[in-house]
Amino acid sequence: PSTQKSYLFEGGRSEANDATFVFAGGYDLTSNSASNECWTYNAENETWSQNNPMSFGGRYAGASALIGNKLYVFGGLSDSGPSQTTFVYDIINNMWSWIYPSGFDIYPIYGMITAQLGNSFFICGGGMWSVKKSTLEETNLSTSLYEFQVDAISGNVNIVKRADGLPTSLFGAGWIDVESNDTLMYMFGGIQNITSTGDTTLTNNFYRYKFTEDVVQQFNSETQSWGEIIS
């Protein structure tokens, strides 16, 4: 809708219409603040339409998944810092609501890798601030992988921690897939380290986590194969 907004919550296609995409939140460069706007894009007729805004303030750099006709939005950054809240947007009724997931309690987090598989969405990596920390230069990077299990009928969400010790990645990219009866979480790039002075270390390493074997592998570009972490 505007070149001045960076929308970092993309919900994907709506089941109500396979040509409809849902976008919510983002960072507004004109006001230098988190946006609470929500839009749908119809790819069939190439039109945008604005929906009811997020009811609980703006968010960006969070996680989202479109399951059924509801967009689930978790975490991200508000104007006052990282969030651990979960919102749901009902596409049919054009209505936002606040839900309270059961299971594992996650610290406020942002910039994580997000991937969806069936009625679950997964997050790994990302950054967290402690009580005493309030700037990007003092960010703790997460090494955990979580699964958000969504009951498509009731809309309830249960959070399960799947792994610890994964490579750090802030604003990285990734996806999840099922191959040879194993679920694999792929992770690429992002900020790998932030020093005490605020300097950042970027990475172009490519990793994957194998659920059944509980092991992290790195892609070796020289041998073109997956193996142990080499750097």
C-alpha atoms as a PDB file:
ATOM      1  CA  PRO A   1       0.000   0.000   0.000  1.00  0.00           C
ATOM      2  CA  SER A   2       2.891   2.370   0.526  1.00  0.00           C
ATOM      3  CA  THR A   3       6.577   2.306  -0.277  1.00  0.00           C
ATOM      4  CA  GLN A   4       7.157   4.021   3.069  1.00  0.00           C
ATOM      5  CA  LYS A   5       6.076   0.980   5.097  1.00  0.00           C
ATOM      6  CA  SER A   6       8.022  -2.195   5.684  1.00  0.00           C
ATOM      7  CA  TYR A   7       5.545  -4.972   6.396  1.00  0.00           C
ATOM      8  CA  LEU A   8       7.211  -7.765   8.330  1.00  0.00           C
ATOM      9  CA  PHE A   9       4.091  -9.764   9.243  1.00  0.00           C
ATOM     10  CA  GLU A  10       2.996 -11.636   6.146  1.00  0.00           C
ATOM     11  CA  GLY A  11       0.195 -14.119   6.637  1.00  0.00           C
ATOM     12  CA  GLY A  12       0.071 -15.687   3.193  1.00  0.00           C
ATOM     13  CA  ARG A  13      -3.003 -16.804   1.312  1.00  0.00           C
ATOM     14  CA  SER A  14      -6.444 -16.802   2.874  1.00  0.00           C
ATOM     15  CA  GLU A  15      -8.538 -19.968   2.662  1.00  0.00           C
ATOM     16  CA  ALA A  16     -11.489 -17.722   1.959  1.00  0.00           C
ATOM     17  CA  ASN A  17      -9.858 -16.816  -1.348  1.00  0.00           C
ATOM     18  CA  ASP A  18      -6.657 -18.373  -2.683  1.00  0.00           C
ATOM     19  CA  ALA A  19      -5.804 -15.069  -4.362  1.00  0.00           C
ATOM     20  CA  THR A  20      -5.940 -13.074  -1.115  1.00  0.00           C
ATOM     21  CA  PHE A  21      -2.848 -12.209   0.940  1.00  0.00           C
ATOM     22  CA  VAL A  22      -2.936 -10.677   4.425  1.00  0.00           C
ATOM     23  CA  PHE A  23      -0.379  -8.209   5.824  1.00  0.00           C
ATOM     24  CA  ALA A  24      -0.306  -6.703   9.309  1.00  0.00           C
ATOM     25  CA  GLY A  25       2.012  -4.473  11.304  1.00  0.00           C
ATOM     26  CA  GLY A  26       5.371  -3.254  10.066  1.00  0.00           C
ATOM     27  CA  TYR A  27       7.520  -0.173  10.557  1.00  0.00           C
ATOM     28  CA  ASP A  28       6.338   3.200   9.326  1.00  0.00           C
ATOM     29  CA  LEU A  29       9.299   5.230   8.075  1.00  0.00           C
ATOM     30  CA  THR A  30       7.256   8.437   7.937  1.00  0.00           C
ATOM     31  CA  SER A  31       6.525   8.425  11.676  1.00  0.00           C
ATOM     32  CA  ASN A  32       9.466   6.246  12.772  1.00  0.00           C
ATOM     33  CA  SER A  33       7.157   4.012  14.757  1.00  0.00           C
ATOM     34  CA  ALA A  34       5.576   0.587  14.715  1.00  0.00           C
ATOM     35  CA  SER A  35       2.488   0.354  12.519  1.00  0.00           C
ATOM     36  CA  ASN A  36      -0.784  -1.277  13.541  1.00  0.00           C
ATOM     37  CA  GLU A  37      -2.250  -1.271  10.030  1.00  0.00           C
ATOM     38  CA  CYS A  38      -3.704  -4.397   8.445  1.00  0.00           C
ATOM     39  CA  TRP A  39      -4.225  -4.897   4.709  1.00  0.00           C
ATOM     40  CA  THR A  40      -5.338  -7.565   2.279  1.00  0.00           C
ATOM     41  CA  TYR A  41      -4.102  -7.862  -1.284  1.00  0.00           C
ATOM     42  CA  ASN A  42      -6.153  -9.598  -3.949  1.00  0.00           C
ATOM     43  CA  ALA A  43      -3.724 -10.942  -6.530  1.00  0.00           C
ATOM     44  CA  GLU A  44      -6.523 -11.840  -8.928  1.00  0.00           C
ATOM     45  CA  ASN A  45      -7.682  -8.258  -9.489  1.00  0.00           C
ATOM     46  CA  GLU A  46      -4.499  -6.592  -8.116  1.00  0.00           C
ATOM     47  CA  THR A  47      -6.244  -4.454  -5.503  1.00  0.00           C
ATOM     48  CA  TRP A  48      -5.446  -3.499  -1.897  1.00  0.00           C
ATOM     49  CA  SER A  49      -8.038  -3.048   0.852  1.00  0.00           C
ATOM     50  CA  GLN A  50      -7.489  -1.786   4.388  1.00  0.00           C
ATOM     51  CA  ASN A  51      -8.883  -3.755   7.346  1.00  0.00           C
ATOM     52  CA  ASN A  52      -9.421  -2.956  10.989  1.00  0.00           C
ATOM     53  CA  PRO A  53      -6.040  -2.111  12.590  1.00  0.00           C
ATOM     54  CA  MET A  54      -4.338  -4.258  15.190  1.00  0.00           C
ATOM     55  CA  SER A  55      -6.199  -3.479  18.402  1.00  0.00           C
ATOM     56  CA  PHE A  56      -3.240  -3.660  20.750  1.00  0.00           C
ATOM     57  CA  GLY A  57      -0.693  -1.343  19.176  1.00  0.00           C
ATOM     58  CA  GLY A  58       1.814  -1.608  16.368  1.00  0.00           C
ATOM     59  CA  ARG A  59       4.281  -4.457  15.877  1.00  0.00           C
ATOM     60  CA  TYR A  60       7.084  -5.326  13.487  1.00  0.00           C
ATOM     61  CA  ALA A  61       9.771  -8.036  13.146  1.00  0.00           C
ATOM     62  CA  GLY A  62       7.522 -10.684  14.668  1.00  0.00           C
ATOM     63  CA  ALA A  63       6.185 -14.073  13.577  1.00  0.00           C
ATOM     64  CA  SER A  64       2.921 -14.849  11.820  1.00  0.00           C
ATOM     65  CA  ALA A  65       1.021 -17.739  10.274  1.00  0.00           C
ATOM     66  CA  LEU A  66      -2.261 -17.976   8.393  1.00  0.00           C
ATOM     67  CA  ILE A  67      -4.172 -21.043   9.598  1.00  0.00           C
ATOM     68  CA  GLY A  68      -7.738 -21.492   8.434  1.00  0.00           C
ATOM     69  CA  ASN A  69      -9.177 -18.019   8.125  1.00  0.00           C
ATOM     70  CA  LYS A  70      -7.178 -16.563  11.006  1.00  0.00           C
ATOM     71  CA  LEU A  71      -3.840 -14.771  11.042  1.00  0.00           C
ATOM     72  CA  TYR A  72      -1.790 -15.535  14.164  1.00  0.00           C
ATOM     73  CA  VAL A  73       0.785 -12.889  15.125  1.00  0.00           C
ATOM     74  CA  PHE A  74       3.361 -13.465  17.850  1.00  0.00           C
ATOM     75  CA  GLY A  75       6.060 -11.279  19.415  1.00  0.00           C
ATOM     76  CA  GLY A  76       7.901  -8.580  17.511  1.00  0.00           C
ATOM     77  CA  LEU A  77       8.885  -5.055  18.433  1.00  0.00           C
ATOM     78  CA  SER A  78       6.536  -2.335  19.609  1.00  0.00           C
ATOM     79  CA  ASP A  79       7.645   1.242  20.178  1.00  0.00           C
ATOM     80  CA  SER A  80       8.527   0.283  23.755  1.00  0.00           C
ATOM     81  CA  GLY A  81      10.498  -2.899  23.014  1.00  0.00           C
ATOM     82  CA  PRO A  82      10.098  -6.637  22.357  1.00  0.00           C
ATOM     83  CA  SER A  83       6.752  -8.334  22.899  1.00  0.00           C
ATOM     84  CA  GLN A  84       5.651 -11.822  23.906  1.00  0.00           C
ATOM     85  CA  THR A  85       1.964 -11.350  23.135  1.00  0.00           C
ATOM     86  CA  THR A  86      -0.092 -13.300  20.602  1.00  0.00           C
ATOM     87  CA  PHE A  87      -2.830 -11.686  18.522  1.00  0.00           C
ATOM     88  CA  VAL A  88      -5.313 -13.268  16.135  1.00  0.00           C
ATOM     89  CA  TYR A  89      -6.981 -11.621  13.172  1.00  0.00           C
ATOM     90  CA  ASP A  90     -10.275 -13.164  12.014  1.00  0.00           C
ATOM     91  CA  ILE A  91     -10.375 -12.521   8.265  1.00  0.00           C
ATOM     92  CA  ILE A  92     -14.060 -13.318   7.857  1.00  0.00           C
ATOM     93  CA  ASN A  93     -15.254 -11.031  10.665  1.00  0.00           C
ATOM     94  CA  ASN A  94     -12.489  -8.420  10.242  1.00  0.00           C
ATOM     95  CA  MET A  95     -11.760  -8.564  13.966  1.00  0.00           C
ATOM     96  CA  TRP A  96      -8.632  -8.730  16.166  1.00  0.00           C
ATOM     97  CA  SER A  97      -8.425 -10.557  19.500  1.00  0.00           C
ATOM     98  CA  TRP A  98      -5.777 -11.279  22.115  1.00  0.00           C
ATOM     99  CA  ILE A  99      -5.114 -14.918  23.055  1.00  0.00           C
ATOM    100  CA  TYR A 100      -3.080 -16.565  25.805  1.00  0.00           C
ATOM    101  CA  PRO A 101      -1.153 -19.641  24.602  1.00  0.00           C
ATOM    102  CA  SER A 102      -0.625 -22.554  26.962  1.00  0.00           C
ATOM    103  CA  GLY A 103       2.553 -24.557  27.418  1.00  0.00           C
ATOM    104  CA  PHE A 104       6.014 -23.003  27.318  1.00  0.00           C
ATOM    105  CA  ASP A 105       6.418 -19.378  28.367  1.00  0.00           C
ATOM    106  CA  ILE A 106       8.669 -17.433  25.972  1.00  0.00           C
ATOM    107  CA  TYR A 107      10.539 -14.232  26.765  1.00  0.00           C
ATOM    108  CA  PRO A 108       9.706 -11.150  24.658  1.00  0.00           C
ATOM    109  CA  ILE A 109      11.429 -11.738  21.334  1.00  0.00           C
ATOM    110  CA  TYR A 110      11.756 -10.295  17.820  1.00  0.00           C
ATOM    111  CA  GLY A 111      13.532 -10.872  14.520  1.00  0.00           C
ATOM    112  CA  MET A 112      13.169 -14.667  14.641  1.00  0.00           C
ATOM    113  CA  ILE A 113      13.050 -17.094  11.718  1.00  0.00           C
ATOM    114  CA  THR A 114       9.480 -18.261  11.142  1.00  0.00           C
ATOM    115  CA  ALA A 115       8.175 -21.275   9.240  1.00  0.00           C
ATOM    116  CA  GLN A 116       4.782 -22.959   8.977  1.00  0.00           C
ATOM    117  CA  LEU A 117       3.921 -26.633   8.601  1.00  0.00           C
ATOM    118  CA  GLY A 118       0.273 -27.662   8.655  1.00  0.00           C
ATOM    119  CA  ASN A 119      -1.484 -26.176  11.682  1.00  0.00           C
ATOM    120  CA  SER A 120       1.786 -25.359  13.448  1.00  0.00           C
ATOM    121  CA  PHE A 121       4.247 -22.548  13.035  1.00  0.00           C
ATOM    122  CA  PHE A 122       7.825 -22.620  14.275  1.00  0.00           C
ATOM    123  CA  ILE A 123      10.194 -19.891  15.425  1.00  0.00           C
ATOM    124  CA  CYS A 124      13.927 -20.015  16.061  1.00  0.00           C
ATOM    125  CA  GLY A 125      16.646 -17.465  16.589  1.00  0.00           C
ATOM    126  CA  GLY A 126      15.703 -13.871  17.249  1.00  0.00           C
ATOM    127  CA  GLY A 127      16.691 -11.340  19.869  1.00  0.00           C
ATOM    128  CA  MET A 128      15.639 -10.675  23.460  1.00  0.00           C
ATOM    129  CA  TRP A 129      16.209  -7.818  25.901  1.00  0.00           C
ATOM    130  CA  SER A 130      16.715  -8.395  29.611  1.00  0.00           C
ATOM    131  CA  VAL A 131      15.075  -6.204  32.240  1.00  0.00           C
ATOM    132  CA  LYS A 132      18.158  -3.964  32.284  1.00  0.00           C
ATOM    133  CA  LYS A 133      18.620  -3.866  28.527  1.00  0.00           C
ATOM    134  CA  SER A 134      16.668  -1.638  26.203  1.00  0.00           C
ATOM    135  CA  THR A 135      18.705  -1.204  23.023  1.00  0.00           C
ATOM    136  CA  LEU A 136      19.714  -3.258  20.001  1.00  0.00           C
ATOM    137  CA  GLU A 137      23.337  -3.062  21.154  1.00  0.00           C
ATOM    138  CA  GLU A 138      22.421  -5.045  24.272  1.00  0.00           C
ATOM    139  CA  THR A 139      20.446  -7.854  22.682  1.00  0.00           C
ATOM    140  CA  ASN A 140      20.582 -11.455  23.852  1.00  0.00           C
ATOM    141  CA  LEU A 141      20.322 -13.831  20.886  1.00  0.00           C
ATOM    142  CA  SER A 142      18.103 -16.897  21.219  1.00  0.00           C
ATOM    143  CA  THR A 143      19.306 -20.434  20.405  1.00  0.00           C
ATOM    144  CA  SER A 144      15.929 -22.135  20.932  1.00  0.00           C
ATOM    145  CA  LEU A 145      13.327 -23.606  18.568  1.00  0.00           C
ATOM    146  CA  TYR A 146       9.640 -23.441  19.483  1.00  0.00           C
ATOM    147  CA  GLU A 147       6.510 -24.925  17.937  1.00  0.00           C
ATOM    148  CA  PHE A 148       3.176 -23.085  18.159  1.00  0.00           C
ATOM    149  CA  GLN A 149       0.506 -25.765  17.851  1.00  0.00           C
ATOM    150  CA  VAL A 150      -2.775 -24.239  16.676  1.00  0.00           C
ATOM    151  CA  ASP A 151      -6.139 -25.935  17.118  1.00  0.00           C
ATOM    152  CA  ALA A 152      -7.872 -24.801  13.934  1.00  0.00           C
ATOM    153  CA  ILE A 153     -11.332 -25.426  15.431  1.00  0.00           C
ATOM    154  CA  SER A 154     -11.033 -23.746  18.834  1.00  0.00           C
ATOM    155  CA  GLY A 155      -8.244 -21.335  17.886  1.00  0.00           C
ATOM    156  CA  ASN A 156      -6.279 -22.272  21.011  1.00  0.00           C
ATOM    157  CA  VAL A 157      -2.478 -22.268  20.822  1.00  0.00           C
ATOM    158  CA  ASN A 158      -0.036 -24.513  22.701  1.00  0.00           C
ATOM    159  CA  ILE A 159       3.704 -23.703  22.717  1.00  0.00           C
ATOM    160  CA  VAL A 160       6.296 -26.503  22.868  1.00  0.00           C
ATOM    161  CA  LYS A 161      10.082 -26.045  23.012  1.00  0.00           C
ATOM    162  CA  ARG A 162      11.584 -28.379  20.410  1.00  0.00           C
ATOM    163  CA  ALA A 163      15.312 -27.725  20.731  1.00  0.00           C
ATOM    164  CA  ASP A 164      18.102 -25.706  22.305  1.00  0.00           C
ATOM    165  CA  GLY A 165      21.616 -24.955  21.123  1.00  0.00           C
ATOM    166  CA  LEU A 166      20.764 -23.857  17.590  1.00  0.00           C
ATOM    167  CA  PRO A 167      22.957 -21.288  15.807  1.00  0.00           C
ATOM    168  CA  THR A 168      22.042 -17.686  16.569  1.00  0.00           C
ATOM    169  CA  SER A 169      20.313 -15.696  13.843  1.00  0.00           C
ATOM    170  CA  LEU A 170      18.665 -12.298  14.166  1.00  0.00           C
ATOM    171  CA  PHE A 171      16.634 -11.305  11.069  1.00  0.00           C
ATOM    172  CA  GLY A 172      17.654 -14.510   9.300  1.00  0.00           C
ATOM    173  CA  ALA A 173      15.572 -16.517   6.838  1.00  0.00           C
ATOM    174  CA  GLY A 174      14.367 -20.091   6.809  1.00  0.00           C
ATOM    175  CA  TRP A 175      11.676 -22.662   6.167  1.00  0.00           C
ATOM    176  CA  ILE A 176      10.544 -26.071   7.384  1.00  0.00           C
ATOM    177  CA  ASP A 177       9.957 -29.221   5.367  1.00  0.00           C
ATOM    178  CA  VAL A 178       9.389 -32.970   5.681  1.00  0.00           C
ATOM    179  CA  GLU A 179      11.965 -35.123   3.908  1.00  0.00           C
ATOM    180  CA  SER A 180      12.521 -38.896   4.206  1.00  0.00           C
ATOM    181  CA  ASN A 181      10.177 -39.102   7.209  1.00  0.00           C
ATOM    182  CA  ASP A 182      12.151 -36.423   9.032  1.00  0.00           C
ATOM    183  CA  THR A 183      11.098 -32.858   9.820  1.00  0.00           C
ATOM    184  CA  LEU A 184      13.836 -30.373   8.954  1.00  0.00           C
ATOM    185  CA  MET A 185      14.129 -26.712   9.947  1.00  0.00           C
ATOM    186  CA  TYR A 186      16.381 -24.753   7.586  1.00  0.00           C
ATOM    187  CA  MET A 187      18.124 -21.551   8.740  1.00  0.00           C
ATOM    188  CA  PHE A 188      20.148 -19.108   6.676  1.00  0.00           C
ATOM    189  CA  GLY A 189      21.973 -15.843   7.287  1.00  0.00           C
ATOM    190  CA  GLY A 190      21.156 -13.050   9.708  1.00  0.00           C
ATOM    191  CA  ILE A 191      23.048 -11.331  12.511  1.00  0.00           C
ATOM    192  CA  GLN A 192      25.102 -13.964  14.336  1.00  0.00           C
ATOM    193  CA  ASN A 193      26.623 -11.797  17.056  1.00  0.00           C
ATOM    194  CA  ILE A 194      26.308  -8.321  18.572  1.00  0.00           C
ATOM    195  CA  THR A 195      29.271  -7.054  20.571  1.00  0.00           C
ATOM    196  CA  SER A 196      29.094  -4.941  23.714  1.00  0.00           C
ATOM    197  CA  THR A 197      29.886  -1.890  21.578  1.00  0.00           C
ATOM    198  CA  GLY A 198      27.020  -2.602  19.212  1.00  0.00           C
ATOM    199  CA  ASP A 199      29.023  -3.976  16.286  1.00  0.00           C
ATOM    200  CA  THR A 200      27.241  -6.758  14.425  1.00  0.00           C
ATOM    201  CA  THR A 201      28.590  -9.919  12.826  1.00  0.00           C
ATOM    202  CA  LEU A 202      26.599 -11.157   9.828  1.00  0.00           C
ATOM    203  CA  THR A 203      26.690 -14.718   8.562  1.00  0.00           C
ATOM    204  CA  ASN A 204      25.991 -16.434   5.252  1.00  0.00           C
ATOM    205  CA  ASN A 205      26.143 -19.897   6.835  1.00  0.00           C
ATOM    206  CA  PHE A 206      23.374 -22.361   6.014  1.00  0.00           C
ATOM    207  CA  TYR A 207      22.160 -24.701   8.775  1.00  0.00           C
ATOM    208  CA  ARG A 208      19.413 -27.228   9.326  1.00  0.00           C
ATOM    209  CA  TYR A 209      17.983 -28.932  12.401  1.00  0.00           C
ATOM    210  CA  LYS A 210      16.833 -32.567  12.136  1.00  0.00           C
ATOM    211  CA  PHE A 211      13.953 -33.210  14.530  1.00  0.00           C
ATOM    212  CA  THR A 212      14.185 -37.019  14.731  1.00  0.00           C
ATOM    213  CA  GLU A 213      17.948 -37.071  15.336  1.00  0.00           C
ATOM    214  CA  ASP A 214      18.045 -33.853  17.416  1.00  0.00           C
ATOM    215  CA  VAL A 215      21.113 -32.655  15.528  1.00  0.00           C
ATOM    216  CA  VAL A 216      22.222 -29.420  13.853  1.00  0.00           C
ATOM    217  CA  GLN A 217      24.062 -29.650  10.537  1.00  0.00           C
ATOM    218  CA  GLN A 218      25.840 -27.084   8.383  1.00  0.00           C
ATOM    219  CA  PHE A 219      25.968 -27.035   4.591  1.00  0.00           C
ATOM    220  CA  ASN A 220      29.513 -27.328   3.260  1.00  0.00           C
ATOM    221  CA  SER A 221      29.718 -25.351   0.027  1.00  0.00           C
ATOM    222  CA  GLU A 222      32.953 -27.099  -0.989  1.00  0.00           C
ATOM    223  CA  THR A 223      31.647 -30.660  -0.737  1.00  0.00           C
ATOM    224  CA  GLN A 224      28.027 -29.642  -1.464  1.00  0.00           C
ATOM    225  CA  SER A 225      26.837 -31.777   1.446  1.00  0.00           C
ATOM    226  CA  TRP A 226      25.420 -31.526   4.965  1.00  0.00           C
ATOM    227  CA  GLY A 227      27.637 -32.358   7.929  1.00  0.00           C
ATOM    228  CA  GLU A 228      28.985 -31.126  11.253  1.00  0.00           C
ATOM    229  CA  ILE A 229      29.196 -27.422  12.047  1.00  0.00           C
ATOM    230  CA  ILE A 230      32.462 -26.218  10.550  1.00  0.00           C
ATOM    231  CA  SER A 231      32.530 -22.515  11.408  1.00  0.00           C
END
